[in-house]
């Protein structure tokens, strides 16, 4: 009998999910805040406020809009001095899902130049059928625009894929696109914020998530024809 998996595609966020970049981002922002005379954040405060939509982050901080462009430019300059690594479970996750014939894509609010540079450095570009980045302010998550575009590229309907993120804006983008969501909560602060958005599943890391997706048939109970994954 042929096995048909209803969830046939996995769309990933980049920062915090595959790339362990939150520490680098924390360091860069505090350097910038010190230079412009704004209060620096504790790690606890940063984790409670950070968002893949940095304009949302600036608003929460009460940063004057007149400084946003300056902060953006300084962040891009200073981030180049950082050297974030992949999360230890990232490569095995991608390799396992690719071997199981899932269609993989990436949707990030990060700049195209930066994300593609990092994907190339780690040799990850071949894993993804589609890579979309936040080049337009109005398309940044929680907007569903990029996620819908990625699904169109990999040829799947919303109920045929899942979006994997680590921030409330990721879960909101999935809901706005009608896509099941998986939250990766790598600590209690993140877990509390993510559970408040009611994602379909919450996992502490990519290893648990990978096992779940590979071994469960139609894990979210959504209708759809799916893709034949029999060998």
Protein backbone atom coordinates (compact mmCIF):
# COMPACT_ATOMS: atom_id res chain seq x y z
CA UNK A 1 0.00 0.00 0.00
CA UNK A 2 1.30 3.47 -0.88
CA UNK A 3 1.77 5.93 1.95
CA UNK A 4 0.54 9.45 1.29
CA UNK A 5 1.67 12.20 3.63
CA UNK A 6 -0.81 15.05 3.92
CA UNK A 7 1.84 17.51 5.10
CA UNK A 8 4.27 17.42 2.19
CA UNK A 9 6.13 20.71 2.56
CA UNK A 10 8.04 22.45 5.34
CA UNK A 11 8.74 26.18 5.17
CA UNK A 12 11.33 27.45 7.64
CA UNK A 13 12.13 30.76 9.22
CA UNK A 14 15.90 31.36 9.26
CA UNK A 15 17.05 33.36 12.29
CA UNK A 16 16.53 31.51 15.55
CA UNK A 17 15.13 28.40 13.87
CA UNK A 18 18.02 27.14 11.73
CA UNK A 19 20.61 29.83 12.47
CA UNK A 20 21.57 30.49 16.10
CA UNK A 21 21.69 34.23 15.55
CA UNK A 22 19.74 35.67 18.49
CA UNK A 23 22.91 36.12 20.55
CA UNK A 24 24.61 37.95 17.68
CA UNK A 25 21.58 40.18 17.16
CA UNK A 26 21.44 40.93 20.90
CA UNK A 27 25.09 41.98 20.90
CA UNK A 28 24.68 44.19 17.84
CA UNK A 29 21.58 45.98 19.10
CA UNK A 30 23.16 46.78 22.45
CA UNK A 31 26.22 48.23 20.70
CA UNK A 32 23.90 50.43 18.66
CA UNK A 33 21.79 51.46 21.65
CA UNK A 34 24.93 52.43 23.56
CA UNK A 35 26.11 54.57 20.63
CA UNK A 36 22.83 56.49 20.33
CA UNK A 37 22.24 56.87 24.07
CA UNK A 38 19.33 54.43 24.33
CA UNK A 39 18.97 52.06 27.29
CA UNK A 40 20.64 48.71 26.64
CA UNK A 41 18.60 45.55 27.08
CA UNK A 42 19.14 42.56 29.30
CA UNK A 43 19.01 39.17 27.58
CA UNK A 44 15.67 38.52 29.30
CA UNK A 45 14.25 41.81 27.99
CA UNK A 46 15.55 41.16 24.49
CA UNK A 47 14.03 37.67 24.28
CA UNK A 48 10.71 39.06 25.47
CA UNK A 49 10.63 41.82 22.85
CA UNK A 50 12.53 40.60 19.79
CA UNK A 51 10.64 40.08 16.57
CA UNK A 52 11.58 39.12 13.00
CA UNK A 53 9.80 42.34 12.09
CA UNK A 54 12.38 44.79 13.42
CA UNK A 55 10.02 47.75 12.97
CA UNK A 56 7.69 46.08 15.45
CA UNK A 57 10.71 45.64 17.75
CA UNK A 58 11.63 49.32 17.44
CA UNK A 59 8.04 50.33 18.22
CA UNK A 60 7.97 48.20 21.36
CA UNK A 61 11.18 49.87 22.49
CA UNK A 62 9.72 53.33 21.89
CA UNK A 63 12.57 54.12 19.50
CA UNK A 64 11.82 57.35 17.55
CA UNK A 65 11.03 56.61 13.91
CA UNK A 66 13.65 59.22 12.95
CA UNK A 67 16.32 56.77 14.18
CA UNK A 68 15.03 53.62 12.47
CA UNK A 69 17.02 54.04 9.25
CA UNK A 70 20.21 54.75 11.19
CA UNK A 71 19.70 51.69 13.38
CA UNK A 72 19.01 49.52 10.32
CA UNK A 73 22.22 50.63 8.63
CA UNK A 74 24.31 50.20 11.76
CA UNK A 75 22.85 46.75 12.39
CA UNK A 76 23.84 45.59 8.90
CA UNK A 77 27.36 46.99 9.35
CA UNK A 78 27.99 45.57 12.83
CA UNK A 79 26.34 42.20 12.20
CA UNK A 80 29.05 41.42 9.65
CA UNK A 81 31.49 41.28 12.58
CA UNK A 82 29.47 38.50 14.21
CA UNK A 83 29.85 34.82 13.36
CA UNK A 84 26.60 32.98 14.20
CA UNK A 85 26.51 29.22 13.80
CA UNK A 86 23.78 26.82 12.79
CA UNK A 87 21.80 25.28 15.60
CA UNK A 88 23.27 21.80 16.26
CA UNK A 89 20.02 20.12 15.17
CA UNK A 90 19.60 22.11 11.92
CA UNK A 91 21.63 20.10 9.43
CA UNK A 92 20.23 16.73 10.50
CA UNK A 93 16.70 18.16 10.33
CA UNK A 94 17.13 19.38 6.76
CA UNK A 95 18.90 16.22 5.63
CA UNK A 96 16.23 13.96 7.13
CA UNK A 97 13.29 15.91 5.73
CA UNK A 98 14.89 16.13 2.28
CA UNK A 99 15.50 12.37 2.32
CA UNK A 100 11.84 11.86 3.24
CA UNK A 101 10.92 13.88 0.13
CA UNK A 102 9.42 16.87 1.85
CA UNK A 103 9.47 20.03 -0.25
CA UNK A 104 11.50 22.60 1.66
CA UNK A 105 11.41 26.39 1.47
CA UNK A 106 12.65 29.31 3.53
CA UNK A 107 10.85 32.56 4.35
CA UNK A 108 12.77 35.15 6.35
CA UNK A 109 12.38 38.82 7.19
CA UNK A 110 16.17 39.10 6.91
CA UNK A 111 17.80 40.86 3.99
CA UNK A 112 18.28 38.78 0.86
CA UNK A 113 22.00 39.54 0.64
CA UNK A 114 22.67 38.53 4.24
CA UNK A 115 20.51 35.38 4.29
CA UNK A 116 21.81 34.09 0.96
CA UNK A 117 25.40 34.75 2.09
CA UNK A 118 24.82 32.69 5.23
CA UNK A 119 23.05 29.89 3.36
CA UNK A 120 26.02 29.69 1.01
CA UNK A 121 28.50 29.66 3.88
CA UNK A 122 26.82 26.64 5.42
CA UNK A 123 26.11 24.90 2.12
CA UNK A 124 22.34 24.94 2.68
CA UNK A 125 21.08 26.54 -0.53
CA UNK A 126 20.49 23.20 -2.34
CA UNK A 127 18.02 22.08 0.35
CA UNK A 128 15.46 24.75 -0.54
CA UNK A 129 13.15 24.95 -3.54
CA UNK A 130 12.36 28.56 -2.66
CA UNK A 131 14.11 31.25 -0.57
CA UNK A 132 12.21 34.49 0.06
CA UNK A 133 13.49 37.40 2.13
CA UNK A 134 12.12 40.65 3.50
CA UNK A 135 12.99 43.21 0.88
CA UNK A 136 9.72 45.17 1.18
CA UNK A 137 8.47 46.60 4.47
CA UNK A 138 4.83 45.82 3.68
CA UNK A 139 5.66 42.13 3.05
CA UNK A 140 7.45 41.50 6.34
CA UNK A 141 5.90 38.85 8.59
CA UNK A 142 3.26 38.77 10.05
CA UNK A 143 2.14 39.55 6.50
CA UNK A 144 1.35 36.27 4.71
CA UNK A 145 2.60 37.52 1.33
CA UNK A 146 6.00 35.81 1.29
CA UNK A 147 4.66 32.57 2.75
CA UNK A 148 1.92 32.37 0.12
CA UNK A 149 4.48 33.06 -2.60
CA UNK A 150 6.73 30.28 -1.29
CA UNK A 151 3.84 27.79 -1.32
CA UNK A 152 3.04 28.73 -4.89
CA UNK A 153 6.67 28.13 -5.87
CA UNK A 154 6.84 24.68 -4.27
CA UNK A 155 3.41 23.79 -5.65
CA UNK A 156 1.46 23.13 -2.47
CA UNK A 157 -1.82 24.46 -1.02
CA UNK A 158 -1.83 26.01 2.47
CA UNK A 159 -3.00 22.78 4.13
CA UNK A 160 -0.22 20.82 2.39
CA UNK A 161 2.67 22.49 4.21
CA UNK A 162 3.67 23.76 7.64
CA UNK A 163 5.55 26.92 8.66
CA UNK A 164 8.25 26.60 11.32
CA UNK A 165 9.09 29.72 13.33
CA UNK A 166 10.38 30.92 16.68
CA UNK A 167 8.59 34.25 17.12
CA UNK A 168 4.97 35.38 17.47
CA UNK A 169 5.13 37.12 14.06
CA UNK A 170 5.98 33.75 12.47
CA UNK A 171 2.91 32.08 13.93
CA UNK A 172 0.76 35.06 12.97
CA UNK A 173 2.05 34.93 9.39
CA UNK A 174 1.15 31.23 9.19
CA UNK A 175 -2.36 31.89 10.48
CA UNK A 176 -2.77 34.78 8.04
CA UNK A 177 -1.79 32.44 5.20
CA UNK A 178 -4.00 29.58 6.41
CA UNK A 179 -0.96 27.37 6.99
CA UNK A 180 -0.43 25.04 9.98
CA UNK A 181 2.31 26.32 12.29
CA UNK A 182 5.06 24.76 14.36
CA UNK A 183 6.74 26.85 17.04
CA UNK A 184 10.33 26.14 18.03
CA UNK A 185 10.72 27.31 21.62
CA UNK A 186 14.32 26.99 22.77
CA UNK A 187 13.66 28.43 26.22
CA UNK A 188 10.88 29.33 28.68
CA UNK A 189 10.61 32.98 27.61
CA UNK A 190 10.12 32.02 23.98
CA UNK A 191 7.73 29.23 24.86
CA UNK A 192 5.44 31.55 26.83
CA UNK A 193 5.31 34.09 24.00
CA UNK A 194 4.75 31.43 21.34
CA UNK A 195 2.05 29.48 23.16
CA UNK A 196 0.08 32.72 23.50
CA UNK A 197 -0.27 32.65 19.67
CA UNK A 198 -1.78 29.12 19.72
CA UNK A 199 0.48 27.40 17.17
CA UNK A 200 -0.55 23.92 16.02
CA UNK A 201 2.47 22.35 17.72
CA UNK A 202 5.30 23.49 19.99
CA UNK A 203 8.66 21.73 20.12
CA UNK A 204 11.82 22.44 22.08
CA UNK A 205 14.02 21.81 19.07
CA UNK A 206 14.19 20.67 15.47
CA UNK A 207 14.98 17.07 16.36
CA UNK A 208 11.61 16.51 18.03
CA UNK A 209 9.85 18.27 15.18
CA UNK A 210 11.61 16.19 12.54
CA UNK A 211 10.67 12.92 14.21
CA UNK A 212 7.08 14.08 14.45
CA UNK A 213 6.79 15.06 10.79
CA UNK A 214 8.55 12.00 9.42
CA UNK A 215 6.69 9.42 11.50
CA UNK A 216 3.18 10.90 11.67
CA UNK A 217 0.75 10.52 8.81
CA UNK A 218 -1.38 13.64 8.28
CA UNK A 219 -0.19 15.07 11.64
CA UNK A 220 -2.49 18.09 11.67
CA UNK A 221 -5.65 16.39 10.45
CA UNK A 222 -6.07 18.73 7.48
CA UNK A 223 -7.74 17.47 4.30
CA UNK A 224 -5.88 17.31 1.02
CA UNK A 225 -4.46 14.92 -1.52
CA UNK A 226 -0.89 15.25 -0.33
CA UNK A 227 2.12 13.88 -2.17
CA UNK A 228 2.91 10.21 -2.71
CA UNK A 229 6.08 9.56 -0.71
CA UNK A 230 6.28 5.81 -1.28
CA UNK A 231 9.60 4.52 -2.48
